[in-house]
Amino acid sequence: MPYLNIKTNQEMSDVTAFIKKASSAVSKASGKPESYVMISVDQQTPMSMGGSDAPTALLDYRALGLPDDRKAFSDALCSLISEDLSIAGDRIYISMTDAERQNWGWNHSTF
C-alpha cells in the first residue's frame, strides 16, 4: 500500500541494504505496517536539477492516506537520502500522492 520509488543520479554500493533501511523508515514515518511497504530504486538515472547534474533525487510516494504531519514525513525521507546517498536536502524533491482505495489493486482485487 505505501509505495516509494527513489530515482537518483547516484550509485549505491549496497542497494539491497538501502532498500531494507528505506522500507523500515517509510513504515515508521508513515505509521503503516512494513508488510505492505514497497520500495523501488532507480539509480544512476541521468538527472538534472536547477541546470546541474550534481547529486539529486526524486522520491515518488503513494499510499492510501498520507501522514498527517507531512513536514515530519518529508524530513524523515530527506534524512534517509541525505545520510545514505550524501545528497543535500535542497537537491531532493518528494511527490506525495494519496491514492483512492478503488484505484489501488492488490491480491486480485482493490482495497
N, C-alpha and C. Protein backbone atom coordinates (compact mmCIF):
# COMPACT_ATOMS: atom_id res chain seq x y z
N MET A 1 0.84 -1.19 0.00
CA MET A 1 0.00 0.00 0.00
C MET A 1 0.87 1.24 0.00
N PRO A 2 1.78 1.48 0.95
CA PRO A 2 2.71 2.58 0.75
C PRO A 2 3.78 2.14 -0.27
N TYR A 3 3.99 2.96 -1.27
CA TYR A 3 4.98 2.68 -2.30
C TYR A 3 5.90 3.89 -2.42
N LEU A 4 7.19 3.64 -2.40
CA LEU A 4 8.17 4.70 -2.57
C LEU A 4 9.13 4.31 -3.68
N ASN A 5 9.17 5.14 -4.73
CA ASN A 5 10.14 4.97 -5.79
C ASN A 5 11.17 6.08 -5.65
N ILE A 6 12.41 5.70 -5.61
CA ILE A 6 13.51 6.64 -5.46
C ILE A 6 14.31 6.64 -6.76
N LYS A 7 14.39 7.80 -7.39
CA LYS A 7 15.23 7.97 -8.58
C LYS A 7 16.37 8.89 -8.20
N THR A 8 17.56 8.48 -8.54
CA THR A 8 18.73 9.29 -8.22
C THR A 8 19.79 9.13 -9.30
N ASN A 9 20.62 10.13 -9.42
CA ASN A 9 21.74 10.02 -10.34
C ASN A 9 22.97 9.43 -9.65
N GLN A 10 22.83 9.04 -8.41
CA GLN A 10 23.92 8.46 -7.65
C GLN A 10 23.93 6.94 -7.78
N GLU A 11 25.08 6.35 -7.50
CA GLU A 11 25.22 4.90 -7.48
C GLU A 11 25.26 4.43 -6.03
N MET A 12 24.54 3.36 -5.74
CA MET A 12 24.52 2.79 -4.39
C MET A 12 25.43 1.57 -4.35
N SER A 13 26.25 1.49 -3.31
CA SER A 13 27.16 0.35 -3.19
C SER A 13 26.43 -0.92 -2.77
N ASP A 14 25.38 -0.78 -1.95
CA ASP A 14 24.61 -1.95 -1.50
C ASP A 14 23.13 -1.59 -1.54
N VAL A 15 22.54 -1.70 -2.72
CA VAL A 15 21.15 -1.30 -2.91
C VAL A 15 20.20 -2.15 -2.08
N THR A 16 20.50 -3.42 -1.87
CA THR A 16 19.63 -4.30 -1.08
C THR A 16 19.54 -3.82 0.36
N ALA A 17 20.67 -3.48 0.96
CA ALA A 17 20.67 -2.97 2.33
C ALA A 17 19.94 -1.64 2.41
N PHE A 18 20.13 -0.77 1.40
CA PHE A 18 19.45 0.51 1.38
C PHE A 18 17.94 0.32 1.30
N ILE A 19 17.48 -0.59 0.45
CA ILE A 19 16.04 -0.84 0.31
C ILE A 19 15.44 -1.31 1.64
N LYS A 20 16.14 -2.17 2.33
CA LYS A 20 15.65 -2.64 3.64
C LYS A 20 15.55 -1.47 4.63
N LYS A 21 16.56 -0.62 4.63
CA LYS A 21 16.54 0.54 5.52
C LYS A 21 15.42 1.49 5.13
N ALA A 22 15.22 1.72 3.84
CA ALA A 22 14.16 2.61 3.36
C ALA A 22 12.78 2.05 3.71
N SER A 23 12.60 0.75 3.60
CA SER A 23 11.31 0.13 3.94
C SER A 23 10.96 0.36 5.40
N SER A 24 11.93 0.17 6.26
CA SER A 24 11.72 0.40 7.69
C SER A 24 11.43 1.88 7.96
N ALA A 25 12.17 2.77 7.30
CA ALA A 25 11.97 4.21 7.51
C ALA A 25 10.59 4.65 7.04
N VAL A 26 10.13 4.15 5.91
CA VAL A 26 8.80 4.51 5.40
C VAL A 26 7.72 4.00 6.34
N SER A 27 7.87 2.78 6.81
CA SER A 27 6.89 2.22 7.74
C SER A 27 6.80 3.06 9.01
N LYS A 28 7.93 3.40 9.57
CA LYS A 28 7.96 4.19 10.80
C LYS A 28 7.39 5.59 10.57
N ALA A 29 7.83 6.24 9.50
CA ALA A 29 7.40 7.63 9.25
C ALA A 29 5.94 7.74 8.84
N SER A 30 5.42 6.72 8.17
CA SER A 30 4.03 6.75 7.70
C SER A 30 3.04 6.16 8.69
N GLY A 31 3.55 5.34 9.62
CA GLY A 31 2.68 4.66 10.56
C GLY A 31 1.96 3.47 9.93
N LYS A 32 2.44 3.02 8.77
CA LYS A 32 1.84 1.88 8.06
C LYS A 32 2.67 0.63 8.33
N PRO A 33 2.03 -0.55 8.34
CA PRO A 33 2.78 -1.78 8.58
C PRO A 33 3.81 -2.03 7.48
N GLU A 34 5.00 -2.42 7.87
CA GLU A 34 6.05 -2.66 6.88
C GLU A 34 5.69 -3.79 5.94
N SER A 35 4.81 -4.68 6.36
CA SER A 35 4.42 -5.81 5.50
C SER A 35 3.73 -5.34 4.22
N TYR A 36 3.27 -4.09 4.17
CA TYR A 36 2.62 -3.54 2.98
C TYR A 36 3.53 -2.58 2.19
N VAL A 37 4.67 -2.22 2.75
CA VAL A 37 5.54 -1.21 2.13
C VAL A 37 6.29 -1.82 0.93
N MET A 38 6.29 -1.08 -0.18
CA MET A 38 7.07 -1.46 -1.36
C MET A 38 8.03 -0.32 -1.69
N ILE A 39 9.28 -0.69 -1.94
CA ILE A 39 10.32 0.27 -2.28
C ILE A 39 10.92 -0.13 -3.63
N SER A 40 11.13 0.84 -4.49
CA SER A 40 11.89 0.59 -5.72
C SER A 40 12.93 1.70 -5.86
N VAL A 41 14.04 1.35 -6.49
CA VAL A 41 15.14 2.29 -6.65
C VAL A 41 15.61 2.28 -8.09
N ASP A 42 15.72 3.45 -8.67
CA ASP A 42 16.34 3.64 -9.98
C ASP A 42 17.59 4.46 -9.72
N GLN A 43 18.74 3.82 -9.80
CA GLN A 43 19.99 4.53 -9.54
C GLN A 43 20.72 4.84 -10.84
N GLN A 44 21.64 5.76 -10.77
CA GLN A 44 22.43 6.21 -11.91
C GLN A 44 21.55 6.68 -13.07
N THR A 45 20.40 7.28 -12.72
CA THR A 45 19.49 7.84 -13.71
C THR A 45 20.00 9.21 -14.14
N PRO A 46 20.14 9.45 -15.44
CA PRO A 46 20.54 10.79 -15.86
C PRO A 46 19.51 11.81 -15.36
N MET A 47 19.95 12.76 -14.54
CA MET A 47 19.05 13.74 -13.94
C MET A 47 19.73 15.10 -13.86
N SER A 48 18.90 16.13 -13.89
CA SER A 48 19.36 17.50 -13.70
C SER A 48 18.38 18.20 -12.79
N MET A 49 18.88 19.03 -11.90
CA MET A 49 18.04 19.87 -11.06
C MET A 49 18.68 21.25 -11.04
N GLY A 50 17.92 22.25 -11.39
CA GLY A 50 18.46 23.60 -11.44
C GLY A 50 19.57 23.75 -12.46
N GLY A 51 19.52 22.94 -13.51
CA GLY A 51 20.54 23.01 -14.55
C GLY A 51 21.84 22.32 -14.20
N SER A 52 21.87 21.61 -13.07
CA SER A 52 23.10 20.96 -12.61
C SER A 52 22.88 19.45 -12.49
N ASP A 53 23.91 18.69 -12.82
CA ASP A 53 23.83 17.24 -12.64
C ASP A 53 24.49 16.79 -11.33
N ALA A 54 24.63 17.71 -10.39
CA ALA A 54 25.14 17.37 -9.05
C ALA A 54 24.20 16.34 -8.43
N PRO A 55 24.64 15.62 -7.38
CA PRO A 55 23.80 14.60 -6.76
C PRO A 55 22.39 15.12 -6.46
N THR A 56 21.39 14.36 -6.90
CA THR A 56 20.00 14.75 -6.73
C THR A 56 19.13 13.50 -6.64
N ALA A 57 17.89 13.67 -6.17
CA ALA A 57 16.96 12.55 -6.08
C ALA A 57 15.53 13.06 -6.18
N LEU A 58 14.70 12.21 -6.76
CA LEU A 58 13.26 12.43 -6.81
C LEU A 58 12.60 11.24 -6.14
N LEU A 59 11.77 11.51 -5.13
CA LEU A 59 11.05 10.45 -4.43
C LEU A 59 9.57 10.56 -4.77
N ASP A 60 9.00 9.46 -5.20
CA ASP A 60 7.58 9.39 -5.53
C ASP A 60 6.92 8.47 -4.51
N TYR A 61 6.14 9.06 -3.61
CA TYR A 61 5.47 8.30 -2.54
C TYR A 61 3.98 8.26 -2.82
N ARG A 62 3.42 7.05 -2.79
CA ARG A 62 1.98 6.87 -3.00
C ARG A 62 1.45 5.95 -1.91
N ALA A 63 0.28 6.28 -1.42
CA ALA A 63 -0.31 5.44 -0.37
C ALA A 63 -1.80 5.73 -0.25
N LEU A 64 -2.47 4.86 0.48
CA LEU A 64 -3.86 5.08 0.84
C LEU A 64 -3.86 5.94 2.08
N GLY A 65 -3.89 7.23 1.89
CA GLY A 65 -3.80 8.17 3.00
C GLY A 65 -2.38 8.61 3.22
N LEU A 66 -2.19 9.90 3.39
CA LEU A 66 -0.87 10.45 3.65
C LEU A 66 -0.72 10.76 5.13
N PRO A 67 0.51 10.77 5.63
CA PRO A 67 0.71 11.10 7.04
C PRO A 67 0.15 12.49 7.36
N ASP A 68 -0.40 12.64 8.55
CA ASP A 68 -0.93 13.94 8.97
C ASP A 68 0.16 15.00 9.00
N ASP A 69 1.31 14.64 9.51
CA ASP A 69 2.42 15.59 9.61
C ASP A 69 3.35 15.36 8.42
N ARG A 70 3.02 15.97 7.30
CA ARG A 70 3.80 15.76 6.08
C ARG A 70 5.19 16.38 6.17
N LYS A 71 5.34 17.43 6.97
CA LYS A 71 6.67 18.03 7.14
C LYS A 71 7.61 17.03 7.83
N ALA A 72 7.12 16.36 8.86
CA ALA A 72 7.94 15.36 9.56
C ALA A 72 8.23 14.18 8.64
N PHE A 73 7.24 13.81 7.82
CA PHE A 73 7.43 12.71 6.87
C PHE A 73 8.50 13.09 5.85
N SER A 74 8.41 14.30 5.31
CA SER A 74 9.40 14.79 4.37
C SER A 74 10.79 14.81 5.01
N ASP A 75 10.86 15.27 6.25
CA ASP A 75 12.13 15.30 6.96
C ASP A 75 12.72 13.90 7.10
N ALA A 76 11.89 12.91 7.43
CA ALA A 76 12.38 11.54 7.60
C ALA A 76 12.94 11.00 6.28
N LEU A 77 12.22 11.24 5.18
CA LEU A 77 12.69 10.73 3.89
C LEU A 77 13.94 11.49 3.41
N CYS A 78 13.95 12.81 3.57
CA CYS A 78 15.13 13.59 3.19
C CYS A 78 16.35 13.17 4.02
N SER A 79 16.15 12.92 5.29
CA SER A 79 17.25 12.49 6.15
C SER A 79 17.82 11.16 5.67
N LEU A 80 16.95 10.22 5.31
CA LEU A 80 17.39 8.93 4.80
C LEU A 80 18.27 9.12 3.56
N ILE A 81 17.78 9.91 2.61
CA ILE A 81 18.50 10.12 1.37
C ILE A 81 19.80 10.90 1.60
N SER A 82 19.74 11.93 2.44
CA SER A 82 20.94 12.73 2.73
C SER A 82 22.02 11.89 3.39
N GLU A 83 21.62 11.10 4.38
CA GLU A 83 22.59 10.30 5.13
C GLU A 83 23.18 9.17 4.31
N ASP A 84 22.33 8.47 3.57
CA ASP A 84 22.80 7.28 2.86
C ASP A 84 23.38 7.56 1.49
N LEU A 85 22.91 8.62 0.83
CA LEU A 85 23.39 8.90 -0.52
C LEU A 85 24.17 10.20 -0.63
N SER A 86 24.35 10.89 0.48
CA SER A 86 25.10 12.15 0.51
C SER A 86 24.53 13.18 -0.46
N ILE A 87 23.19 13.29 -0.46
CA ILE A 87 22.51 14.27 -1.30
C ILE A 87 21.92 15.33 -0.37
N ALA A 88 22.22 16.59 -0.66
CA ALA A 88 21.71 17.70 0.16
C ALA A 88 20.19 17.78 0.07
N GLY A 89 19.56 18.18 1.15
CA GLY A 89 18.11 18.28 1.22
C GLY A 89 17.52 19.20 0.16
N ASP A 90 18.26 20.23 -0.24
CA ASP A 90 17.74 21.15 -1.25
C ASP A 90 17.93 20.61 -2.67
N ARG A 91 18.38 19.36 -2.78
CA ARG A 91 18.51 18.67 -4.07
C ARG A 91 17.60 17.45 -4.12
N ILE A 92 16.59 17.43 -3.24
CA ILE A 92 15.65 16.31 -3.16
C ILE A 92 14.23 16.84 -3.30
N TYR A 93 13.49 16.29 -4.24
CA TYR A 93 12.06 16.55 -4.35
C TYR A 93 11.31 15.30 -3.92
N ILE A 94 10.16 15.50 -3.25
CA ILE A 94 9.30 14.40 -2.86
C ILE A 94 7.89 14.69 -3.35
N SER A 95 7.35 13.80 -4.14
CA SER A 95 5.97 13.88 -4.59
C SER A 95 5.16 12.91 -3.73
N MET A 96 4.07 13.40 -3.12
CA MET A 96 3.23 12.57 -2.26
C MET A 96 1.83 12.50 -2.87
N THR A 97 1.36 11.29 -3.12
CA THR A 97 0.05 11.08 -3.72
C THR A 97 -0.82 10.22 -2.81
N ASP A 98 -2.00 10.74 -2.50
CA ASP A 98 -2.99 10.00 -1.72
C ASP A 98 -3.89 9.26 -2.71
N ALA A 99 -3.71 7.96 -2.82
CA ALA A 99 -4.48 7.15 -3.77
C ALA A 99 -5.85 6.79 -3.20
N GLU A 100 -6.83 6.74 -4.07
CA GLU A 100 -8.17 6.29 -3.65
C GLU A 100 -8.20 4.77 -3.62
N ARG A 101 -8.86 4.21 -2.62
CA ARG A 101 -8.88 2.76 -2.42
C ARG A 101 -9.29 1.98 -3.66
N GLN A 102 -10.29 2.48 -4.37
CA GLN A 102 -10.77 1.75 -5.54
C GLN A 102 -9.77 1.80 -6.70
N ASN A 103 -8.76 2.66 -6.59
CA ASN A 103 -7.75 2.78 -7.64
C ASN A 103 -6.44 2.09 -7.27
N TRP A 104 -6.44 1.31 -6.21
CA TRP A 104 -5.22 0.63 -5.76
C TRP A 104 -5.50 -0.87 -5.74
N GLY A 105 -4.89 -1.59 -6.68
CA GLY A 105 -5.11 -3.02 -6.77
C GLY A 105 -4.13 -3.81 -5.92
N TRP A 106 -4.60 -4.94 -5.42
CA TRP A 106 -3.76 -5.84 -4.62
C TRP A 106 -4.46 -7.18 -4.49
N ASN A 107 -3.72 -8.25 -4.63
CA ASN A 107 -4.23 -9.60 -4.37
C ASN A 107 -5.51 -9.90 -5.16
N HIS A 108 -5.50 -9.60 -6.44
CA HIS A 108 -6.60 -9.87 -7.37
C HIS A 108 -7.83 -8.99 -7.16
N SER A 109 -7.69 -7.91 -6.39
CA SER A 109 -8.84 -7.05 -6.12
C SER A 109 -8.34 -5.63 -5.90
N THR A 110 -9.11 -4.83 -5.21
CA THR A 110 -8.69 -3.49 -4.81
C THR A 110 -8.92 -3.34 -3.30
N PHE A 111 -8.38 -2.28 -2.75
CA PHE A 111 -8.58 -2.03 -1.32
C PHE A 111 -9.94 -1.40 -1.09
